[in-house]
Amino acid sequence: MFKKPFSFEGRIRRTEYGISFLIYFVFALTVQLVGPINNASDQTGSTLLLLLFIPILWFMLAQGAKRCHDLGNSGWFQLIPFYSLWMFFAESKVGQNKYGPNPKGIGNIDEIDEIGKHLS
């Protein structure tokens, strides 16, 4: 889990996406709670919070794109309203697709080859 978390390539399982969402939520909540402590007119504090938020937003977009890939779709699908709910509950596409092998290993070519070797 969490191999190349900032990369937009590959596929991830529902579990990794769910944990990623929790990390994002906790960080965003922390930023919201710390934000009011800084004076609203304090330009430096606002800039610092924005700079802290950019990496976690990139992380979540990358994880969302990989989850979309696991479902056989482009990463842009995560921008569709309520599609994130589908990403939480939908099963992975079996086998390899154009984004890579199934992260669970179900239906991958290597697994089929291994089964064939055991049967012969």
Protein backbone atom coordinates (compact mmCIF):
# COMPACT_ATOMS: atom_id res chain seq x y z
CA MET A 1 0.00 0.00 0.00
CA PHE A 2 0.97 3.60 -0.63
CA LYS A 3 3.55 2.92 -3.31
CA LYS A 4 4.12 6.22 -5.10
CA PRO A 5 1.21 8.03 -3.40
CA PHE A 6 1.72 11.24 -5.42
CA SER A 7 1.81 9.48 -8.81
CA PHE A 8 -1.20 9.46 -11.11
CA GLU A 9 -0.26 6.12 -12.69
CA GLY A 10 -1.41 2.65 -11.71
CA ARG A 11 -4.31 1.23 -9.74
CA ILE A 12 -5.25 1.05 -6.06
CA ARG A 13 -7.80 -0.91 -4.06
CA ARG A 14 -10.79 0.46 -2.18
CA THR A 15 -8.95 0.04 1.13
CA GLU A 16 -6.06 2.27 0.11
CA TYR A 17 -8.48 4.85 -1.31
CA GLY A 18 -10.48 4.85 1.92
CA ILE A 19 -7.38 5.29 4.06
CA SER A 20 -6.21 8.07 1.72
CA PHE A 21 -9.56 9.80 2.12
CA LEU A 22 -9.28 9.59 5.91
CA ILE A 23 -5.78 11.09 5.80
CA TYR A 24 -7.06 13.89 3.58
CA PHE A 25 -10.08 14.50 5.84
CA VAL A 26 -7.98 14.66 9.03
CA PHE A 27 -5.50 17.04 7.40
CA ALA A 28 -8.25 19.27 5.97
CA LEU A 29 -10.02 19.34 9.33
CA THR A 30 -6.78 20.27 11.07
CA VAL A 31 -6.21 23.10 8.58
CA GLN A 32 -9.76 24.34 9.20
CA LEU A 33 -9.26 24.29 12.96
CA VAL A 34 -5.84 25.95 12.86
CA GLY A 35 -6.87 28.49 10.22
CA PRO A 36 -9.09 30.62 12.50
CA ILE A 37 -6.25 30.88 15.04
CA ASN A 38 -4.34 32.96 12.52
CA ASN A 39 -5.56 36.50 12.03
CA ALA A 40 -7.66 36.68 8.86
CA SER A 41 -5.71 39.74 7.73
CA ASP A 42 -2.41 37.91 8.20
CA GLN A 43 -1.27 37.30 4.62
CA THR A 44 1.65 35.09 5.72
CA GLY A 45 -0.56 32.69 7.70
CA SER A 46 -3.01 32.31 4.83
CA THR A 47 -0.21 31.71 2.35
CA LEU A 48 1.37 29.12 4.64
CA LEU A 49 -1.93 27.25 5.00
CA LEU A 50 -2.39 27.27 1.24
CA LEU A 51 1.13 25.92 0.72
CA LEU A 52 0.43 23.15 3.25
CA PHE A 53 -2.85 22.29 1.54
CA ILE A 54 -1.42 21.92 -2.00
CA PRO A 55 0.50 18.65 -1.34
CA ILE A 56 -2.44 16.96 0.39
CA LEU A 57 -4.77 18.02 -2.44
CA TRP A 58 -2.28 16.60 -4.99
CA PHE A 59 -2.13 13.39 -2.91
CA MET A 60 -5.91 13.01 -2.92
CA LEU A 61 -6.24 13.75 -6.63
CA ALA A 62 -3.52 11.19 -7.42
CA GLN A 63 -5.14 8.53 -5.23
CA GLY A 64 -8.54 9.28 -6.78
CA ALA A 65 -7.11 8.94 -10.30
CA LYS A 66 -5.60 5.57 -9.42
CA ARG A 67 -8.90 4.39 -7.98
CA CYS A 68 -10.66 5.49 -11.18
CA HIS A 69 -8.05 3.51 -13.12
CA ASP A 70 -8.88 0.46 -11.00
CA LEU A 71 -12.47 0.77 -12.17
CA GLY A 72 -11.33 1.01 -15.79
CA ASN A 73 -11.97 4.74 -16.16
CA SER A 74 -9.91 7.86 -16.73
CA GLY A 75 -8.80 9.81 -13.65
CA TRP A 76 -10.99 12.69 -14.81
CA PHE A 77 -14.05 10.67 -13.73
CA GLN A 78 -13.35 11.68 -10.12
CA LEU A 79 -14.59 15.18 -10.99
CA ILE A 80 -18.11 13.83 -11.64
CA PRO A 81 -20.36 14.71 -8.68
CA PHE A 82 -20.93 11.78 -6.32
CA TYR A 83 -18.57 9.52 -8.31
CA SER A 84 -16.37 9.30 -5.19
CA LEU A 85 -19.16 7.27 -3.57
CA TRP A 86 -18.94 4.82 -6.45
CA MET A 87 -15.17 4.65 -5.97
CA PHE A 88 -15.70 3.64 -2.32
CA PHE A 89 -18.10 0.79 -3.04
CA ALA A 90 -17.41 -0.55 -6.56
CA GLU A 91 -15.39 -3.72 -7.09
CA SER A 92 -12.13 -3.62 -9.00
CA LYS A 93 -12.16 -4.66 -12.63
CA VAL A 94 -10.87 -8.22 -12.85
CA GLY A 95 -7.52 -8.71 -14.53
CA GLN A 96 -5.19 -6.30 -16.16
CA ASN A 97 -6.48 -3.18 -17.90
CA LYS A 98 -4.73 -0.36 -19.76
CA TYR A 99 -3.73 1.21 -16.42
CA GLY A 100 -1.96 -1.85 -15.04
CA PRO A 101 -2.51 -5.16 -13.24
CA ASN A 102 -5.28 -5.72 -10.72
CA PRO A 103 -3.93 -4.67 -7.28
CA LYS A 104 -5.60 -7.69 -5.68
CA GLY A 105 -3.93 -9.97 -8.21
CA ILE A 106 -7.27 -11.36 -9.35
CA GLY A 107 -7.31 -12.27 -13.02
CA ASN A 108 -3.84 -10.97 -13.81
CA ILE A 109 -1.97 -12.79 -16.57
CA ASP A 110 0.75 -13.94 -14.14
CA GLU A 111 -1.88 -15.56 -11.94
CA ILE A 112 -3.49 -17.34 -14.91
CA ASP A 113 -0.08 -18.63 -16.01
CA GLU A 114 0.57 -19.99 -12.50
CA ILE A 115 -2.78 -21.80 -12.46
CA GLY A 116 -2.00 -23.30 -15.88
CA LYS A 117 1.36 -24.57 -14.66
CA HIS A 118 -0.26 -26.27 -11.67
CA LEU A 119 -2.94 -27.91 -13.82
CA SER A 120 -0.48 -29.41 -16.33
